[in-house]
Amino acid sequence: MTEELALAVSELNTWYRPSGTVFRKKAVPVLHDVSFTIRRGEILGLVGESGTGKSTLAKTILGMVPDYTGTVTHYTKRPQMVFQDPYSSLNPAKTVGWILEEPLRIYGKYDAPERKRRVADILEEVGLSPEYAEALPCQLSGGQRQRVSIGTALIQKPGLIIADEPVSALDVTIQAQILRLIRRVRDEYGISCLFISHDLNVVYEICDRALVMKDGRIVEQGTVDQLFDHPQESYTKQLLAAAE
């Protein structure tokens, strides 16, 4: 039933039109007949090698890719993105407090004292003390910047977060901390998550189900236990062998 869904993608085909040339070039297909759903409160993994179309799928879901056919239906409000490199997505000239408060200013629903209170609350939620509100992104570690990036998404109270390789640039200890944070946010607030990764071990650690993507197509899907214990496709078996 639709009330149980956060997102439904049906027969999605996406392509890019090359630019920067006087010659008209044929559109380049990227995604092919992609269909899946994410339930409310579910963490769905999306795995595959680099260049398989994972990030294109994320951008299409968020309306950042104009050339597509098929349907993308959101059943929650204000879907948000958490990027692989938080430093590139955080304004280096602004403090953490300003960055976290900016979505609330744009939203226009809260006065200044309420915005400040919510910034303090979200810092606590992602495991950072209040003084970090005065810090610049360059003064933070990679893990701390990723916590700010997650906080920027959470402060808008989304129903769905798309996390695109959010821990791949972090060391193993910090990876574990960020994964626990994402899982706790899901458990406490029922937020759904599309968790994109090339690392099947990370997907097994955090996800409920997973999609395996190859050359812009979903070639296999199931619970993480099914994919790990009884993979059907040779490509899935290759990814598992590489993850050992």
Protein backbone atom coordinates (compact mmCIF):
# COMPACT_ATOMS: atom_id res chain seq x y z
CA MET A 1 0.00 0.00 0.00
CA THR A 2 1.23 3.51 -0.82
CA GLU A 3 1.08 4.66 2.80
CA GLU A 4 3.85 2.14 3.53
CA LEU A 5 6.12 3.56 0.82
CA ALA A 6 8.64 6.39 0.91
CA LEU A 7 9.59 6.18 -2.77
CA ALA A 8 8.53 4.32 -5.90
CA VAL A 9 10.61 4.29 -9.09
CA SER A 10 9.10 2.67 -12.18
CA GLU A 11 10.65 1.93 -15.58
CA LEU A 12 13.17 4.74 -15.23
CA ASN A 13 15.37 5.48 -18.23
CA THR A 14 17.88 8.31 -17.96
CA TRP A 15 20.32 9.76 -20.46
CA TYR A 16 22.77 12.63 -20.82
CA ARG A 17 23.06 14.99 -23.76
CA PRO A 18 26.72 15.93 -24.37
CA SER A 19 27.34 19.67 -24.32
CA GLY A 20 30.18 22.03 -25.09
CA THR A 21 30.40 21.25 -28.79
CA VAL A 22 28.97 22.76 -31.96
CA PHE A 23 28.16 19.29 -33.25
CA ARG A 24 24.95 17.66 -32.16
CA LYS A 25 25.71 14.36 -30.50
CA LYS A 26 23.42 11.48 -29.75
CA ALA A 27 22.13 11.28 -26.18
CA VAL A 28 24.03 8.80 -24.02
CA PRO A 29 21.80 6.34 -22.13
CA VAL A 30 22.74 5.72 -18.50
CA LEU A 31 19.82 4.00 -16.74
CA HIS A 32 17.66 1.29 -18.29
CA ASP A 33 14.18 0.32 -17.03
CA VAL A 34 15.02 0.77 -13.35
CA SER A 35 12.16 -0.08 -10.99
CA PHE A 36 12.14 -0.43 -7.20
CA THR A 37 10.46 0.84 -4.03
CA ILE A 38 11.68 1.99 -0.62
CA ARG A 39 9.44 1.41 2.35
CA ARG A 40 9.07 3.90 5.18
CA GLY A 41 11.83 3.40 7.71
CA GLU A 42 13.81 1.13 5.41
CA ILE A 43 17.49 1.44 4.51
CA LEU A 44 17.86 0.21 0.94
CA GLY A 45 21.35 -0.39 -0.39
CA LEU A 46 22.41 0.31 -3.96
CA VAL A 47 25.66 -1.40 -4.90
CA GLY A 48 27.78 -1.61 -8.01
CA GLU A 49 31.15 -0.60 -9.39
CA SER A 50 32.01 2.98 -10.30
CA GLY A 51 30.35 4.11 -13.52
CA THR A 52 27.32 1.84 -13.24
CA GLY A 53 24.86 4.73 -12.84
CA LYS A 54 24.35 4.84 -9.07
CA SER A 55 24.90 8.58 -8.68
CA THR A 56 22.84 9.30 -11.80
CA LEU A 57 19.96 7.40 -10.22
CA ALA A 58 20.29 9.47 -7.04
CA LYS A 59 20.30 12.74 -8.98
CA THR A 60 17.32 11.68 -11.08
CA ILE A 61 15.32 10.84 -7.96
CA LEU A 62 16.03 14.33 -6.62
CA GLY A 63 15.08 16.05 -9.89
CA MET A 64 18.63 17.01 -10.85
CA VAL A 65 18.61 15.17 -14.20
CA PRO A 66 16.02 16.49 -16.67
CA ASP A 67 16.27 13.85 -19.39
CA TYR A 68 14.42 10.74 -18.30
CA THR A 69 11.32 8.68 -18.91
CA GLY A 70 9.41 6.62 -16.38
CA THR A 71 8.09 7.75 -13.01
CA VAL A 72 9.60 8.80 -9.70
CA THR A 73 6.94 9.09 -6.98
CA HIS A 74 7.77 10.53 -3.56
CA TYR A 75 5.47 9.65 -0.68
CA THR A 76 7.38 11.75 1.86
CA LYS A 77 8.40 15.40 1.99
CA ARG A 78 11.73 17.18 1.49
CA PRO A 79 14.04 14.33 0.39
CA GLN A 80 17.67 15.20 1.08
CA MET A 81 21.13 14.20 -0.13
CA VAL A 82 24.27 13.34 1.83
CA PHE A 83 27.31 13.44 -0.44
CA GLN A 84 30.50 11.38 -0.47
CA ASP A 85 32.74 14.40 0.07
CA PRO A 86 31.17 16.69 2.66
CA TYR A 87 33.89 19.29 2.26
CA SER A 88 32.85 19.96 -1.33
CA SER A 89 29.19 20.28 -0.33
CA LEU A 90 29.76 22.60 2.66
CA ASN A 91 30.37 26.30 2.13
CA PRO A 92 34.01 26.75 3.23
CA ALA A 93 33.50 30.44 4.03
CA LYS A 94 30.62 29.89 6.47
CA THR A 95 30.49 28.50 9.98
CA VAL A 96 28.82 25.21 10.81
CA GLY A 97 26.02 27.09 12.55
CA TRP A 98 25.36 29.22 9.47
CA ILE A 99 25.39 26.14 7.21
CA LEU A 100 22.92 24.27 9.41
CA GLU A 101 20.66 27.31 9.79
CA GLU A 102 20.53 28.19 6.09
CA PRO A 103 17.87 25.59 5.10
CA LEU A 104 15.65 26.93 7.87
CA ARG A 105 16.12 30.52 6.66
CA ILE A 106 15.15 29.45 3.14
CA TYR A 107 12.16 27.55 4.47
CA GLY A 108 11.06 30.77 6.20
CA LYS A 109 8.96 29.15 8.88
CA TYR A 110 11.16 29.79 11.91
CA ASP A 111 12.31 32.98 13.61
CA ALA A 112 15.97 33.50 14.57
CA PRO A 113 15.76 32.13 18.17
CA GLU A 114 13.97 29.00 16.98
CA ARG A 115 16.55 28.48 14.24
CA LYS A 116 19.37 28.74 16.77
CA ARG A 117 17.65 26.25 19.05
CA ARG A 118 17.19 23.78 16.24
CA VAL A 119 20.83 24.13 15.22
CA ALA A 120 21.90 23.31 18.79
CA ASP A 121 19.54 20.33 18.86
CA ILE A 122 20.78 18.92 15.57
CA LEU A 123 24.43 19.29 16.60
CA GLU A 124 23.65 17.21 19.67
CA GLU A 125 21.74 14.73 17.49
CA VAL A 126 24.75 14.08 15.26
CA GLY A 127 27.17 13.90 18.17
CA LEU A 128 28.81 17.33 18.05
CA SER A 129 29.02 19.76 20.96
CA PRO A 130 27.51 23.30 20.70
CA GLU A 131 30.86 25.05 20.16
CA TYR A 132 31.15 23.43 16.74
CA ALA A 133 28.55 25.94 15.54
CA GLU A 134 31.36 28.53 15.40
CA ALA A 135 33.80 26.33 13.49
CA LEU A 136 34.56 26.46 9.77
CA PRO A 137 34.49 23.23 7.73
CA CYS A 138 38.28 23.37 7.27
CA GLN A 139 38.67 23.14 11.05
CA LEU A 140 36.83 19.81 11.24
CA SER A 141 37.94 16.26 10.62
CA GLY A 142 36.41 14.24 7.78
CA GLY A 143 34.08 12.43 10.16
CA GLN A 144 32.97 15.68 11.78
CA ARG A 145 32.26 17.22 8.38
CA GLN A 146 30.17 14.20 7.44
CA ARG A 147 28.20 14.60 10.68
CA VAL A 148 27.51 18.23 9.72
CA SER A 149 26.40 17.09 6.26
CA ILE A 150 24.00 14.59 7.83
CA GLY A 151 22.79 17.28 10.22
CA THR A 152 22.10 19.63 7.30
CA ALA A 153 19.86 16.96 5.82
CA LEU A 154 18.16 16.07 9.11
CA ILE A 155 17.38 19.65 10.15
CA GLN A 156 14.82 19.82 7.33
CA LYS A 157 12.94 16.81 8.76
CA PRO A 158 13.03 14.74 5.59
CA GLY A 159 11.18 11.50 5.04
CA LEU A 160 13.93 10.20 2.76
CA ILE A 161 17.70 10.63 2.71
CA ILE A 162 19.89 9.57 -0.20
CA ALA A 163 23.40 8.87 1.06
CA ASP A 164 25.85 8.67 -1.87
CA GLU A 165 29.00 6.82 -0.71
CA PRO A 166 28.87 8.67 2.63
CA VAL A 167 31.66 6.70 4.33
CA SER A 168 33.98 5.70 1.49
CA ALA A 169 36.43 8.55 2.19
CA LEU A 170 36.62 7.81 5.94
CA ASP A 171 38.81 5.42 7.88
CA VAL A 172 37.28 2.24 9.30
CA THR A 173 36.73 3.57 12.83
CA ILE A 174 34.97 6.74 11.64
CA GLN A 175 32.99 4.69 9.09
CA ALA A 176 31.55 2.63 11.91
CA GLN A 177 30.55 5.77 13.83
CA ILE A 178 28.76 7.30 10.84
CA LEU A 179 26.98 4.01 10.07
CA ARG A 180 25.75 3.82 13.67
CA LEU A 181 24.53 7.42 13.38
CA ILE A 182 22.56 6.71 10.20
CA ARG A 183 21.03 3.57 11.71
CA ARG A 184 20.10 5.38 14.93
CA VAL A 185 18.44 8.21 12.99
CA ARG A 186 16.40 5.64 11.09
CA ASP A 187 15.40 3.82 14.26
CA GLU A 188 14.42 6.98 16.15
CA TYR A 189 12.67 8.94 13.41
CA GLY A 190 11.60 6.34 10.87
CA ILE A 191 13.48 8.09 8.07
CA SER A 192 13.99 6.03 4.91
CA CYS A 193 17.39 5.90 3.27
CA LEU A 194 18.80 4.97 -0.12
CA PHE A 195 22.37 4.04 0.82
CA ILE A 196 24.72 4.01 -2.18
CA SER A 197 28.02 2.15 -1.93
CA HIS A 198 30.48 0.05 -3.89
CA ASP A 199 31.33 -1.86 -0.68
CA LEU A 200 29.08 -4.86 -0.05
CA ASN A 201 30.42 -5.27 3.47
CA VAL A 202 29.21 -1.79 4.39
CA VAL A 203 25.83 -2.49 2.77
CA TYR A 204 25.49 -5.72 4.75
CA GLU A 205 26.28 -3.83 7.94
CA ILE A 206 23.57 -1.20 7.63
CA CYS A 207 20.94 -2.09 5.00
CA ASP A 208 17.72 -4.10 5.14
CA ARG A 209 17.56 -4.85 1.40
CA ALA A 210 19.86 -4.11 -1.51
CA LEU A 211 19.80 -3.55 -5.26
CA VAL A 212 22.73 -4.62 -7.42
CA MET A 213 23.33 -2.34 -10.40
CA LYS A 214 25.41 -3.13 -13.47
CA ASP A 215 25.60 -0.98 -16.60
CA GLY A 216 22.61 1.09 -15.54
CA ARG A 217 20.35 -1.90 -14.85
CA ILE A 218 19.17 -3.55 -11.64
CA VAL A 219 20.41 -7.11 -12.11
CA GLU A 220 19.51 -8.49 -8.68
CA GLN A 221 17.72 -7.45 -5.51
CA GLY A 222 16.71 -8.95 -2.21
CA THR A 223 17.42 -8.85 1.51
CA VAL A 224 21.07 -8.48 2.39
CA ASP A 225 21.06 -12.02 3.77
CA GLN A 226 19.70 -13.36 0.49
CA LEU A 227 22.29 -11.53 -1.58
CA PHE A 228 25.17 -12.61 0.63
CA ASP A 229 24.11 -16.20 1.25
CA HIS A 230 22.41 -17.06 -2.05
CA PRO A 231 23.50 -14.68 -4.83
CA GLN A 232 21.95 -15.52 -8.19
CA GLU A 233 23.81 -13.32 -10.66
CA SER A 234 27.46 -13.79 -11.61
CA TYR A 235 28.03 -10.05 -11.18
CA THR A 236 26.80 -10.19 -7.58
CA LYS A 237 29.14 -13.12 -6.96
CA GLN A 238 32.02 -11.08 -8.40
CA LEU A 239 31.26 -8.17 -6.05
CA LEU A 240 31.11 -10.55 -3.09
CA ALA A 241 34.42 -12.13 -4.04
CA ALA A 242 36.02 -8.68 -4.30
CA ALA A 243 34.69 -7.76 -0.86
CA GLU A 244 36.31 -10.74 0.89
